[in-house]
Structures are given as structure tokens and as C-alpha cells.
C-alpha atoms as a PDB file:
ATOM      1  CA  UNK A   1      24.712  12.711 -40.614  1.00  0.00           C
ATOM      2  CA  UNK A   2      22.937  15.161 -38.882  1.00  0.00           C
ATOM      3  CA  UNK A   3      24.480  19.310 -38.975  1.00  0.00           C
ATOM      4  CA  UNK A   4      23.649  22.233 -37.308  1.00  0.00           C
ATOM      5  CA  UNK A   5      25.329  26.134 -37.981  1.00  0.00           C
ATOM      6  CA  UNK A   6      26.471  27.796 -34.744  1.00  0.00           C
ATOM      7  CA  UNK A   7      24.366  31.089 -33.873  1.00  0.00           C
ATOM      8  CA  UNK A   8      24.321  33.576 -31.076  1.00  0.00           C
ATOM      9  CA  UNK A   9      21.432  35.676 -30.451  1.00  0.00           C
ATOM     10  CA  UNK A  10      19.022  36.917 -27.803  1.00  0.00           C
ATOM     11  CA  UNK A  11      15.787  36.205 -26.533  1.00  0.00           C
ATOM     12  CA  UNK A  12      12.982  38.843 -26.221  1.00  0.00           C
ATOM     13  CA  UNK A  13       9.555  39.316 -25.614  1.00  0.00           C
ATOM     14  CA  UNK A  14       6.863  38.505 -28.162  1.00  0.00           C
ATOM     15  CA  UNK A  15       4.847  41.405 -26.610  1.00  0.00           C
ATOM     16  CA  UNK A  16       6.020  43.880 -23.785  1.00  0.00           C
ATOM     17  CA  UNK A  17       3.618  47.256 -23.184  1.00  0.00           C
ATOM     18  CA  UNK A  18       3.051  50.075 -20.450  1.00  0.00           C
ATOM     19  CA  UNK A  19      -0.548  49.598 -20.199  1.00  0.00           C
ATOM     20  CA  UNK A  20      -2.252  53.333 -19.718  1.00  0.00           C
ATOM     21  CA  UNK A  21      -5.539  54.442 -18.699  1.00  0.00           C
ATOM     22  CA  UNK A  22      -8.109  55.646 -21.201  1.00  0.00           C
ATOM     23  CA  UNK A  23      -9.717  57.585 -18.717  1.00  0.00           C
ATOM     24  CA  UNK A  24      -9.033  60.574 -15.854  1.00  0.00           C
ATOM     25  CA  UNK A  25      -9.848  59.651 -12.164  1.00  0.00           C
ATOM     26  CA  UNK A  26      -8.700  59.350  -8.914  1.00  0.00           C
ATOM     27  CA  UNK A  27      -7.462  56.105  -8.321  1.00  0.00           C
ATOM     28  CA  UNK A  28      -9.235  53.661  -5.486  1.00  0.00           C
ATOM     29  CA  UNK A  29      -8.034  50.098  -5.947  1.00  0.00           C
ATOM     30  CA  UNK A  30      -4.912  48.274  -7.313  1.00  0.00           C
ATOM     31  CA  UNK A  31      -4.939  44.470  -8.353  1.00  0.00           C
ATOM     32  CA  UNK A  32      -1.395  43.679  -8.863  1.00  0.00           C
ATOM     33  CA  UNK A  33       2.088  43.853  -7.540  1.00  0.00           C
ATOM     34  CA  UNK A  34       5.028  43.376  -9.715  1.00  0.00           C
ATOM     35  CA  UNK A  35       5.692  39.850 -10.685  1.00  0.00           C
ATOM     36  CA  UNK A  36       2.362  39.261 -10.712  1.00  0.00           C
ATOM     37  CA  UNK A  37       1.090  37.009 -13.551  1.00  0.00           C
ATOM     38  CA  UNK A  38      -2.445  38.403 -14.908  1.00  0.00           C
ATOM     39  CA  UNK A  39      -4.513  36.940 -18.416  1.00  0.00           C
ATOM     40  CA  UNK A  40      -5.400  39.242 -20.521  1.00  0.00           C
ATOM     41  CA  UNK A  41      -8.731  41.089 -18.897  1.00  0.00           C
ATOM     42  CA  UNK A  42      -7.931  40.857 -15.770  1.00  0.00           C
ATOM     43  CA  UNK A  43      -8.230  44.205 -13.712  1.00  0.00           C
ATOM     44  CA  UNK A  44      -5.184  46.278 -13.237  1.00  0.00           C
ATOM     45  CA  UNK A  45      -6.112  49.527 -11.682  1.00  0.00           C
ATOM     46  CA  UNK A  46      -9.494  50.944 -10.818  1.00  0.00           C
ATOM     47  CA  UNK A  47     -10.499  54.855 -10.838  1.00  0.00           C
ATOM     48  CA  UNK A  48     -13.388  56.443  -9.046  1.00  0.00           C
ATOM     49  CA  UNK A  49     -16.623  55.295 -10.998  1.00  0.00           C
ATOM     50  CA  UNK A  50     -18.571  57.738  -9.207  1.00  0.00           C
ATOM     51  CA  UNK A  51     -19.211  60.149 -12.102  1.00  0.00           C
ATOM     52  CA  UNK A  52     -19.013  57.355 -14.567  1.00  0.00           C
ATOM     53  CA  UNK A  53     -22.204  55.422 -13.540  1.00  0.00           C
ATOM     54  CA  UNK A  54     -24.139  59.312 -12.703  1.00  0.00           C
ATOM     55  CA  UNK A  55     -23.321  59.663 -16.172  1.00  0.00           C
ATOM     56  CA  UNK A  56     -24.105  56.294 -17.670  1.00  0.00           C
ATOM     57  CA  UNK A  57     -27.772  56.394 -15.264  1.00  0.00           C
ATOM     58  CA  UNK A  58     -28.371  59.679 -17.442  1.00  0.00           C
ATOM     59  CA  UNK A  59     -27.606  58.870 -20.413  1.00  0.00           C
ATOM     60  CA  UNK A  60     -29.673  55.493 -20.305  1.00  0.00           C
ATOM     61  CA  UNK A  61     -32.771  57.726 -19.030  1.00  0.00           C
ATOM     62  CA  UNK A  62     -32.228  60.016 -21.930  1.00  0.00           C
ATOM     63  CA  UNK A  63     -32.016  57.184 -24.206  1.00  0.00           C
ATOM     64  CA  UNK A  64     -35.356  55.421 -22.949  1.00  0.00           C
ATOM     65  CA  UNK A  65     -37.097  58.756 -23.484  1.00  0.00           C
ATOM     66  CA  UNK A  66     -35.650  59.287 -26.320  1.00  0.00           C
ATOM     67  CA  UNK A  67     -37.015  56.072 -28.085  1.00  0.00           C
ATOM     68  CA  UNK A  68     -40.072  56.465 -26.340  1.00  0.00           C
ATOM     69  CA  UNK A  69     -40.677  59.973 -28.246  1.00  0.00           C
ATOM     70  CA  UNK A  70     -39.245  58.102 -31.491  1.00  0.00           C
ATOM     71  CA  UNK A  71     -41.791  55.112 -31.348  1.00  0.00           C
ATOM     72  CA  UNK A  72     -44.402  57.779 -30.181  1.00  0.00           C
ATOM     73  CA  UNK A  73     -43.874  59.840 -33.358  1.00  0.00           C
ATOM     74  CA  UNK A  74     -43.312  56.843 -35.682  1.00  0.00           C
ATOM     75  CA  UNK A  75     -46.850  56.200 -34.902  1.00  0.00           C
ATOM     76  CA  UNK A  76     -48.069  59.210 -35.577  1.00  0.00           C
ATOM     77  CA  UNK A  77     -46.286  59.270 -38.903  1.00  0.00           C
ATOM     78  CA  UNK A  78     -48.262  56.170 -40.225  1.00  0.00           C
ATOM     79  CA  UNK A  79     -51.317  57.348 -38.939  1.00  0.00           C
ATOM     80  CA  UNK A  80     -50.855  60.753 -40.766  1.00  0.00           C
ATOM     81  CA  UNK A  81     -49.420  59.460 -43.950  1.00  0.00           C
ATOM     82  CA  UNK A  82     -52.700  57.163 -44.686  1.00  0.00           C
ATOM     83  CA  UNK A  83     -54.541  60.968 -43.816  1.00  0.00           C
ATOM     84  CA  UNK A  84     -52.436  62.452 -46.722  1.00  0.00           C
ATOM     85  CA  UNK A  85     -52.574  59.406 -49.329  1.00  0.00           C
ATOM     86  CA  UNK A  86     -56.597  59.924 -48.943  1.00  0.00           C
ATOM     87  CA  UNK A  87     -56.462  63.537 -49.181  1.00  0.00           C
ATOM     88  CA  UNK A  88     -57.629  64.578 -45.418  1.00  0.00           C
ATOM     89  CA  UNK A  89     -54.303  66.376 -44.825  1.00  0.00           C
ATOM     90  CA  UNK A  90     -52.541  68.740 -47.203  1.00  0.00           C
ATOM     91  CA  UNK A  91     -48.938  68.520 -48.261  1.00  0.00           C
ATOM     92  CA  UNK A  92     -47.764  71.128 -45.988  1.00  0.00           C
ATOM     93  CA  UNK A  93     -49.252  69.192 -43.243  1.00  0.00           C
ATOM     94  CA  UNK A  94     -47.489  65.804 -44.041  1.00  0.00           C
ATOM     95  CA  UNK A  95     -44.116  67.427 -44.897  1.00  0.00           C
ATOM     96  CA  UNK A  96     -44.639  68.752 -41.270  1.00  0.00           C
ATOM     97  CA  UNK A  97     -45.293  65.557 -39.216  1.00  0.00           C
ATOM     98  CA  UNK A  98     -42.441  64.056 -41.419  1.00  0.00           C
ATOM     99  CA  UNK A  99     -40.074  65.605 -40.546  1.00  0.00           C
ATOM    100  CA  UNK A 100     -41.385  65.247 -37.126  1.00  0.00           C
ATOM    101  CA  UNK A 101     -40.892  61.877 -36.802  1.00  0.00           C
ATOM    102  CA  UNK A 102     -37.560  62.428 -38.924  1.00  0.00           C
ATOM    103  CA  UNK A 103     -36.192  64.699 -36.429  1.00  0.00           C
ATOM    104  CA  UNK A 104     -37.273  61.825 -33.388  1.00  0.00           C
ATOM    105  CA  UNK A 105     -35.317  58.822 -35.326  1.00  0.00           C
ATOM    106  CA  UNK A 106     -32.153  61.114 -34.857  1.00  0.00           C
ATOM    107  CA  UNK A 107     -32.759  62.319 -31.894  1.00  0.00           C
ATOM    108  CA  UNK A 108     -32.919  58.394 -30.837  1.00  0.00           C
ATOM    109  CA  UNK A 109     -29.833  57.606 -32.309  1.00  0.00           C
ATOM    110  CA  UNK A 110     -27.973  60.737 -30.413  1.00  0.00           C
ATOM    111  CA  UNK A 111     -28.971  59.143 -27.315  1.00  0.00           C
ATOM    112  CA  UNK A 112     -28.063  55.772 -28.111  1.00  0.00           C
ATOM    113  CA  UNK A 113     -24.061  57.141 -28.623  1.00  0.00           C
ATOM    114  CA  UNK A 114     -23.999  59.255 -26.131  1.00  0.00           C
ATOM    115  CA  UNK A 115     -25.155  55.456 -23.653  1.00  0.00           C
ATOM    116  CA  UNK A 116     -22.549  53.963 -25.268  1.00  0.00           C
ATOM    117  CA  UNK A 117     -19.957  56.437 -24.483  1.00  0.00           C
ATOM    118  CA  UNK A 118     -21.110  56.480 -21.237  1.00  0.00           C
ATOM    119  CA  UNK A 119     -20.863  52.536 -20.727  1.00  0.00           C
ATOM    120  CA  UNK A 120     -17.516  53.453 -22.336  1.00  0.00           C
ATOM    121  CA  UNK A 121     -16.436  55.529 -19.817  1.00  0.00           C
ATOM    122  CA  UNK A 122     -17.500  53.110 -16.989  1.00  0.00           C
ATOM    123  CA  UNK A 123     -15.614  50.635 -18.403  1.00  0.00           C
ATOM    124  CA  UNK A 124     -12.730  52.639 -18.847  1.00  0.00           C
ATOM    125  CA  UNK A 125     -12.645  53.308 -14.978  1.00  0.00           C
ATOM    126  CA  UNK A 126     -11.227  50.029 -14.878  1.00  0.00           C
ATOM    127  CA  UNK A 127      -7.664  49.603 -16.467  1.00  0.00           C
ATOM    128  CA  UNK A 128      -7.614  45.972 -17.924  1.00  0.00           C
ATOM    129  CA  UNK A 129      -4.282  43.493 -18.859  1.00  0.00           C
ATOM    130  CA  UNK A 130      -4.373  43.591 -23.166  1.00  0.00           C
ATOM    131  CA  UNK A 131      -2.507  40.448 -22.616  1.00  0.00           C
ATOM    132  CA  UNK A 132      -1.239  37.858 -20.421  1.00  0.00           C
ATOM    133  CA  UNK A 133       2.105  37.676 -18.829  1.00  0.00           C
ATOM    134  CA  UNK A 134       3.715  39.398 -16.028  1.00  0.00           C
ATOM    135  CA  UNK A 135       3.137  42.736 -14.136  1.00  0.00           C
ATOM    136  CA  UNK A 136       6.916  44.256 -14.431  1.00  0.00           C
ATOM    137  CA  UNK A 137       5.666  47.654 -12.773  1.00  0.00           C
ATOM    138  CA  UNK A 138       3.263  49.453 -10.892  1.00  0.00           C
ATOM    139  CA  UNK A 139       3.440  52.716 -11.481  1.00  0.00           C
ATOM    140  CA  UNK A 140       0.409  54.142  -9.031  1.00  0.00           C
ATOM    141  CA  UNK A 141      -0.926  54.228  -6.253  1.00  0.00           C
ATOM    142  CA  UNK A 142      -3.908  54.378  -4.295  1.00  0.00           C
ATOM    143  CA  UNK A 143      -4.777  57.949  -3.975  1.00  0.00           C
ATOM    144  CA  UNK A 144      -3.606  59.255  -7.246  1.00  0.00           C
ATOM    145  CA  UNK A 145      -4.766  61.261 -10.183  1.00  0.00           C
ATOM    146  CA  UNK A 146      -4.544  59.673 -13.487  1.00  0.00           C
ATOM    147  CA  UNK A 147      -5.238  61.019 -16.930  1.00  0.00           C
ATOM    148  CA  UNK A 148      -5.778  59.441 -20.024  1.00  0.00           C
ATOM    149  CA  UNK A 149      -2.507  57.948 -21.373  1.00  0.00           C
ATOM    150  CA  UNK A 150      -1.030  58.256 -17.756  1.00  0.00           C
ATOM    151  CA  UNK A 151       1.017  54.865 -17.716  1.00  0.00           C
ATOM    152  CA  UNK A 152      -0.372  52.395 -14.881  1.00  0.00           C
ATOM    153  CA  UNK A 153       1.440  48.991 -15.138  1.00  0.00           C
ATOM    154  CA  UNK A 154       4.154  47.817 -17.490  1.00  0.00           C
ATOM    155  CA  UNK A 155       3.389  44.216 -18.891  1.00  0.00           C
ATOM    156  CA  UNK A 156       5.714  41.733 -20.566  1.00  0.00           C
ATOM    157  CA  UNK A 157       4.318  38.340 -22.697  1.00  0.00           C
ATOM    158  CA  UNK A 158       6.441  35.386 -21.410  1.00  0.00           C
ATOM    159  CA  UNK A 159       5.106  32.899 -23.602  1.00  0.00           C
ATOM    160  CA  UNK A 160       6.094  32.492 -26.066  1.00  0.00           C
ATOM    161  CA  UNK A 161       9.760  34.346 -26.499  1.00  0.00           C
ATOM    162  CA  UNK A 162      10.990  35.001 -29.800  1.00  0.00           C
ATOM    163  CA  UNK A 163      14.759  33.790 -30.144  1.00  0.00           C
ATOM    164  CA  UNK A 164      16.149  36.749 -32.396  1.00  0.00           C
ATOM    165  CA  UNK A 165      19.794  35.685 -34.733  1.00  0.00           C
ATOM    166  CA  UNK A 166      22.611  37.608 -35.480  1.00  0.00           C
ATOM    167  CA  UNK A 167      23.292  35.130 -39.208  1.00  0.00           C
ATOM    168  CA  UNK A 168      26.407  35.734 -40.866  1.00  0.00           C
ATOM    169  CA  UNK A 169      26.481  37.229 -44.491  1.00  0.00           C
ATOM    170  CA  UNK A 170      28.251  33.876 -45.856  1.00  0.00           C
ATOM    171  CA  UNK A 171      25.814  31.385 -43.799  1.00  0.00           C
ATOM    172  CA  UNK A 172      22.277  34.087 -44.686  1.00  0.00           C
ATOM    173  CA  UNK A 173      21.441  31.343 -47.499  1.00  0.00           C
ATOM    174  CA  UNK A 174      21.252  28.326 -45.395  1.00  0.00           C
ATOM    175  CA  UNK A 175      18.179  29.437 -42.959  1.00  0.00           C
ATOM    176  CA  UNK A 176      14.732  29.762 -43.969  1.00  0.00           C
ATOM    177  CA  UNK A 177      11.168  29.370 -41.904  1.00  0.00           C
ATOM    178  CA  UNK A 178      10.188  26.526 -40.108  1.00  0.00           C
ATOM    179  CA  UNK A 179      13.796  25.481 -39.283  1.00  0.00           C
ATOM    180  CA  UNK A 180      14.147  23.614 -36.402  1.00  0.00           C
ATOM    181  CA  UNK A 181      16.852  25.196 -33.681  1.00  0.00           C
ATOM    182  CA  UNK A 182      18.065  24.205 -30.173  1.00  0.00           C
ATOM    183  CA  UNK A 183      19.735  26.595 -27.934  1.00  0.00           C
ATOM    184  CA  UNK A 184      21.090  26.644 -24.645  1.00  0.00           C
ATOM    185  CA  UNK A 185      21.626  29.958 -22.103  1.00  0.00           C
ATOM    186  CA  UNK A 186      23.359  30.213 -19.029  1.00  0.00           C
ATOM    187  CA  UNK A 187      20.734  30.231 -16.440  1.00  0.00           C
ATOM    188  CA  UNK A 188      20.182  26.792 -17.070  1.00  0.00           C
ATOM    189  CA  UNK A 189      23.513  24.895 -18.015  1.00  0.00           C
ATOM    190  CA  UNK A 190      23.291  21.636 -19.447  1.00  0.00           C
ATOM    191  CA  UNK A 191      19.506  22.000 -20.576  1.00  0.00           C
ATOM    192  CA  UNK A 192      18.740  22.648 -24.295  1.00  0.00           C
ATOM    193  CA  UNK A 193      15.444  24.146 -25.443  1.00  0.00           C
ATOM    194  CA  UNK A 194      14.087  24.070 -29.167  1.00  0.00           C
ATOM    195  CA  UNK A 195      12.483  26.745 -31.188  1.00  0.00           C
ATOM    196  CA  UNK A 196      11.327  27.076 -34.661  1.00  0.00           C
ATOM    197  CA  UNK A 197      12.417  29.644 -37.364  1.00  0.00           C
ATOM    198  CA  UNK A 198       9.472  32.116 -37.939  1.00  0.00           C
ATOM    199  CA  UNK A 199      10.816  34.896 -39.826  1.00  0.00           C
ATOM    200  CA  UNK A 200      14.213  35.319 -41.779  1.00  0.00           C
ATOM    201  CA  UNK A 201      15.105  39.250 -42.409  1.00  0.00           C
ATOM    202  CA  UNK A 202      14.720  40.968 -45.840  1.00  0.00           C
ATOM    203  CA  UNK A 203      17.765  42.719 -46.037  1.00  0.00           C
ATOM    204  CA  UNK A 204      21.903  42.538 -44.285  1.00  0.00           C
ATOM    205  CA  UNK A 205      22.127  45.143 -42.016  1.00  0.00           C
ATOM    206  CA  UNK A 206      24.777  47.570 -43.485  1.00  0.00           C
ATOM    207  CA  UNK A 207      26.663  48.104 -40.807  1.00  0.00           C
ATOM    208  CA  UNK A 208      27.205  44.416 -39.301  1.00  0.00           C
ATOM    209  CA  UNK A 209      26.874  42.557 -42.884  1.00  0.00           C
ATOM    210  CA  UNK A 210      24.746  40.312 -40.981  1.00  0.00           C
ATOM    211  CA  UNK A 211      21.048  39.297 -41.111  1.00  0.00           C
ATOM    212  CA  UNK A 212      18.578  39.017 -38.563  1.00  0.00           C
ATOM    213  CA  UNK A 213      16.065  36.058 -38.115  1.00  0.00           C
ATOM    214  CA  UNK A 214      13.897  35.403 -35.317  1.00  0.00           C
ATOM    215  CA  UNK A 215      12.645  32.139 -33.826  1.00  0.00           C
ATOM    216  CA  UNK A 216       9.604  31.264 -31.841  1.00  0.00           C
ATOM    217  CA  UNK A 217       9.789  30.087 -28.376  1.00  0.00           C
ATOM    218  CA  UNK A 218       7.277  28.204 -26.710  1.00  0.00           C
ATOM    219  CA  UNK A 219       8.416  28.624 -23.264  1.00  0.00           C
ATOM    220  CA  UNK A 220       5.319  27.250 -21.946  1.00  0.00           C
ATOM    221  CA  UNK A 221       6.921  26.779 -18.197  1.00  0.00           C
ATOM    222  CA  UNK A 222       7.926  30.422 -18.345  1.00  0.00           C
ATOM    223  CA  UNK A 223      11.339  30.046 -16.981  1.00  0.00           C
ATOM    224  CA  UNK A 224      13.130  31.590 -19.785  1.00  0.00           C
ATOM    225  CA  UNK A 225      13.289  35.328 -19.649  1.00  0.00           C
ATOM    226  CA  UNK A 226      13.666  37.877 -21.847  1.00  0.00           C
ATOM    227  CA  UNK A 227      17.077  39.351 -22.508  1.00  0.00           C
ATOM    228  CA  UNK A 228      19.237  35.545 -22.288  1.00  0.00           C
ATOM    229  CA  UNK A 229      22.189  35.314 -24.360  1.00  0.00           C
ATOM    230  CA  UNK A 230      21.514  32.351 -26.490  1.00  0.00           C
ATOM    231  CA  UNK A 231      24.002  29.746 -27.910  1.00  0.00           C
ATOM    232  CA  UNK A 232      22.239  28.302 -30.769  1.00  0.00           C
ATOM    233  CA  UNK A 233      22.184  25.596 -33.269  1.00  0.00           C
ATOM    234  CA  UNK A 234      20.137  25.574 -36.585  1.00  0.00           C
ATOM    235  CA  UNK A 235      19.537  22.276 -37.803  1.00  0.00           C
ATOM    236  CA  UNK A 236      20.442  21.546 -41.480  1.00  0.00           C
ATOM    237  CA  UNK A 237      18.970  18.938 -43.509  1.00  0.00           C
ATOM    238  CA  UNK A 238      21.684  16.301 -42.850  1.00  0.00           C
ATOM    239  CA  UNK A 239      24.302  15.548 -45.572  1.00  0.00           C
ATOM    240  CA  UNK A 240      25.458  12.048 -47.058  1.00  0.00           C
ATOM    241  CA  UNK A 241      28.983  11.290 -45.444  1.00  0.00           C
ATOM    242  CA  UNK A 242      30.330   8.406 -43.032  1.00  0.00           C
ATOM    243  CA  UNK A 243      30.668   9.523 -39.333  1.00  0.00           C
ATOM    244  CA  UNK A 244      33.721   8.479 -37.016  1.00  0.00           C
ATOM    245  CA  UNK A 245      34.466   9.238 -33.062  1.00  0.00           C
ATOM    246  CA  UNK A 246      36.457  12.174 -33.015  1.00  0.00           C
ATOM    247  CA  UNK A 247      39.248  10.303 -31.344  1.00  0.00           C
ATOM    248  CA  UNK A 248      39.868   7.992 -34.725  1.00  0.00           C
ATOM    249  CA  UNK A 249      41.102  11.438 -36.241  1.00  0.00           C
ATOM    250  CA  UNK A 250      44.692  12.759 -35.858  1.00  0.00           C
ATOM    251  CA  UNK A 251      45.473  16.405 -37.314  1.00  0.00           C
ATOM    252  CA  UNK A 252      48.622  18.231 -37.764  1.00  0.00           C
ATOM    253  CA  UNK A 253      46.677  21.565 -38.524  1.00  0.00           C
ATOM    254  CA  UNK A 254      46.876  21.204 -42.476  1.00  0.00           C
ATOM    255  CA  UNK A 255      45.453  17.416 -43.059  1.00  0.00           C
ATOM    256  CA  UNK A 256      43.542  15.156 -40.828  1.00  0.00           C
ATOM    257  CA  UNK A 257      44.067  11.782 -41.076  1.00  0.00           C
ATOM    258  CA  UNK A 258      42.799   8.543 -40.252  1.00  0.00           C
ATOM    259  CA  UNK A 259      44.391   4.916 -39.954  1.00  0.00           C
ATOM    260  CA  UNK A 260      41.896   1.928 -41.595  1.00  0.00           C
ATOM    261  CA  UNK A 261      42.356  -1.940 -41.322  1.00  0.00           C
ATOM    262  CA  UNK A 262      42.696  -3.348 -44.448  1.00  0.00           C
ATOM    263  CA  UNK A 263      44.259  -6.939 -45.202  1.00  0.00           C
ATOM    264  CA  UNK A 264      45.970  -7.189 -42.130  1.00  0.00           C
ATOM    265  CA  UNK A 265      47.521  -4.129 -42.262  1.00  0.00           C
ATOM    266  CA  UNK A 266      46.910  -0.545 -41.203  1.00  0.00           C
ATOM    267  CA  UNK A 267      46.584   2.191 -43.546  1.00  0.00           C
ATOM    268  CA  UNK A 268      47.337   5.791 -42.805  1.00  0.00           C
ATOM    269  CA  UNK A 269      44.247   7.747 -45.058  1.00  0.00           C
ATOM    270  CA  UNK A 270      44.033  12.296 -45.763  1.00  0.00           C
ATOM    271  CA  UNK A 271      40.325  12.805 -45.533  1.00  0.00           C
ATOM    272  CA  UNK A 272      38.087  15.801 -45.795  1.00  0.00           C
ATOM    273  CA  UNK A 273      35.968  16.028 -43.152  1.00  0.00           C
ATOM    274  CA  UNK A 274      32.818  18.085 -42.208  1.00  0.00           C
ATOM    275  CA  UNK A 275      30.576  19.473 -39.300  1.00  0.00           C
ATOM    276  CA  UNK A 276      30.995  17.118 -35.437  1.00  0.00           C
ATOM    277  CA  UNK A 277      27.952  16.470 -33.362  1.00  0.00           C
ATOM    278  CA  UNK A 278      28.234  14.784 -30.624  1.00  0.00           C
ATOM    279  CA  UNK A 279      31.731  13.380 -30.470  1.00  0.00           C
ATOM    280  CA  UNK A 280      31.516  12.043 -34.525  1.00  0.00           C
ATOM    281  CA  UNK A 281      32.935  14.048 -37.061  1.00  0.00           C
ATOM    282  CA  UNK A 282      31.412  13.504 -40.900  1.00  0.00           C
ATOM    283  CA  UNK A 283      33.803  12.476 -43.474  1.00  0.00           C
ATOM    284  CA  UNK A 284      33.219  13.535 -46.634  1.00  0.00           C
ATOM    285  CA  UNK A 285      35.953  12.479 -48.716  1.00  0.00           C
ATOM    286  CA  UNK A 286      38.462   9.468 -48.250  1.00  0.00           C
ATOM    287  CA  UNK A 287      36.499   6.856 -46.450  1.00  0.00           C
ATOM    288  CA  UNK A 288      33.818   4.803 -48.046  1.00  0.00           C
ATOM    289  CA  UNK A 289      31.229   3.097 -45.540  1.00  0.00           C
ATOM    290  CA  UNK A 290      31.559  -0.012 -44.033  1.00  0.00           C
ATOM    291  CA  UNK A 291      35.875   0.321 -43.952  1.00  0.00           C
ATOM    292  CA  UNK A 292      37.288  -0.800 -40.855  1.00  0.00           C
ATOM    293  CA  UNK A 293      38.621   2.436 -38.725  1.00  0.00           C
ATOM    294  CA  UNK A 294      40.944   2.250 -35.773  1.00  0.00           C
ATOM    295  CA  UNK A 295      39.273   4.486 -32.926  1.00  0.00           C
ATOM    296  CA  UNK A 296      42.145   4.866 -30.261  1.00  0.00           C
ATOM    297  CA  UNK A 297      45.451   5.879 -31.569  1.00  0.00           C
ATOM    298  CA  UNK A 298      48.581   5.030 -29.745  1.00  0.00           C
ATOM    299  CA  UNK A 299      52.364   5.825 -30.935  1.00  0.00           C
ATOM    300  CA  UNK A 300      52.227   2.389 -32.536  1.00  0.00           C
ATOM    301  CA  UNK A 301      49.332   3.242 -35.019  1.00  0.00           C
ATOM    302  CA  UNK A 302      51.373   4.062 -38.328  1.00  0.00           C
ATOM    303  CA  UNK A 303      50.771   3.038 -41.764  1.00  0.00           C
ATOM    304  CA  UNK A 304      51.656  -0.035 -42.519  1.00  0.00           C
ATOM    305  CA  UNK A 305      51.844  -1.907 -39.009  1.00  0.00           C
ATOM    306  CA  UNK A 306      50.034  -5.126 -39.150  1.00  0.00           C
ATOM    307  CA  UNK A 307      47.425  -5.675 -37.417  1.00  0.00           C
ATOM    308  CA  UNK A 308      46.013  -9.074 -36.087  1.00  0.00           C
END
């Protein structure tokens, strides 16, 4: 019979961030409002790019000049090396020309690095979403001046989510990665959602004597939200037990009883019960598979009563 371990937990976002600017400048345009869904790389805020454009053009011009000077110096170095090897120029002259060649190559590398920085400055003028999700808040408006590290928007990833579970110490040995979890939330009564255990904490929390585990929730339709409280059931391996309807059991608080039909008479049995699921209770001891059980108990159902 399928078994499950009842647990409680809450949904949390897999990723959540306050997206910050990486450059300073005046905000010239905003692309999103609260509640907007964005994909990774989508623009959130545009900063004034005029200075960045001028800086990039200047850096690219300097790079072009430095590369041309490097190519000219390299060609001269090849020629002067041949002259040195034939004895047409002195060692001192060759060392001077070789130094000029190395200097022009270094200048070209510096110009290339500055061009890369200029390109980055222009790219940083557009603040983009680092991952897909929902915009929780936009912190800036057109006309405001932002600095590097200024928050421009908050972003919350909704798919997938993580279900953080609290596992009591006595049950800590029953949970492991890849186990299936079903859970319900109050926002959607009567609906069941599924998750898969992805993480089990390495140690119990000392203050509460419990273990923290996490399950991944696909949430493809993005209906579930971070912060929702969940009532969960960790699916456990099936136990080899006979199951009977809940209505077949009678309990006096100390023992569970059921009634079988044997040789035309009712026989009362004290049984050991296990878990319950979908209205059926596992009977771990006291009943064999195939035995007939009375499922509708009345006052007339007693031990020894004949039945047809």
C-alpha cells in the first residue's frame, strides 16, 4: 500500500534579486512596470548614453590608430632585422628599432583594452534582467540620476520554485533526494501539486531539532507564488500490507478491531494498523490477504454472530 509522510513547508523563489545599475547616469527610459514578466536579457532601464557613445567612438579611433602604427612598426622591424643579420646596421640601431616595435604592440593592446571598456560602458547604460521572472518593484523613474550599485528594479523568478520542508528529527532518515512530494496550498483548495526532493540538509537545526529539505516545483503555469504555506506529503516506498476501508475498523482508543467472516460466522480481530490513504487503512498484522471483511459496521455486528 502506498505510504506518505505528512510535512509542512513554504514556497520560496529559486532566484530573487534587486537588480542594480553598473554605471552612473540619468534615466532616460523605463521599460517595465510592477508585475511585468521578463526574460533574461530584456531591458529594464535605459540611462543617458551620449557620453558613452562619444567615449566609444574616441576609443575605437585610438584603437584604429594604434593598430596601424603597430603594423607599420612590425613591417619596419622585419626589414631592420634583415639588415642587422647582414651587418648593414649596428646592434645599437637594431635594439632601438626592436624597442619601438615592442612599444607599438603594447600601445595597441592598451588601446584595445580601452575600446573594450568603452563598449562595456555603452552596454552598461542599458540595465537588463539577469534572469527571467516577474518584476516586483521598479525603484527609479525617468529623470532620476543613478550611481553604480543603485537599485533599479526587483526581480523574482517564478518557475521553478523551491518547496522548503521541515522534517522532524524522528523522520529525518526517511527523506532523500529524488523522492516525490505532493502538496496543497490554501490558494487552490482541492488541487494537488507535485515536486521532487533536490536537497536534504547535512545537519539538524539545534534550536528546533528538525531538518530542512527542499523540493523543486516546476510551476510551469506560474500560479504558485513564493511565500505560500504548503501542506505536503512525502511519498514513501509501498509497504507489503493488506488494506481495508476505513469504515471496516472499530477503535476504542487502545486497539483497532475489525470483523471477518469465517465459516458462516463473524469473527472479531484485534489488528495492527498502518498508514491511511484515500480512505483505506493498511493492516500490518492480524489479517491475511483474501479474507472477507465486514465493511459496514452496525450494532448487530459482533463476534460469533452467524451470517449467511
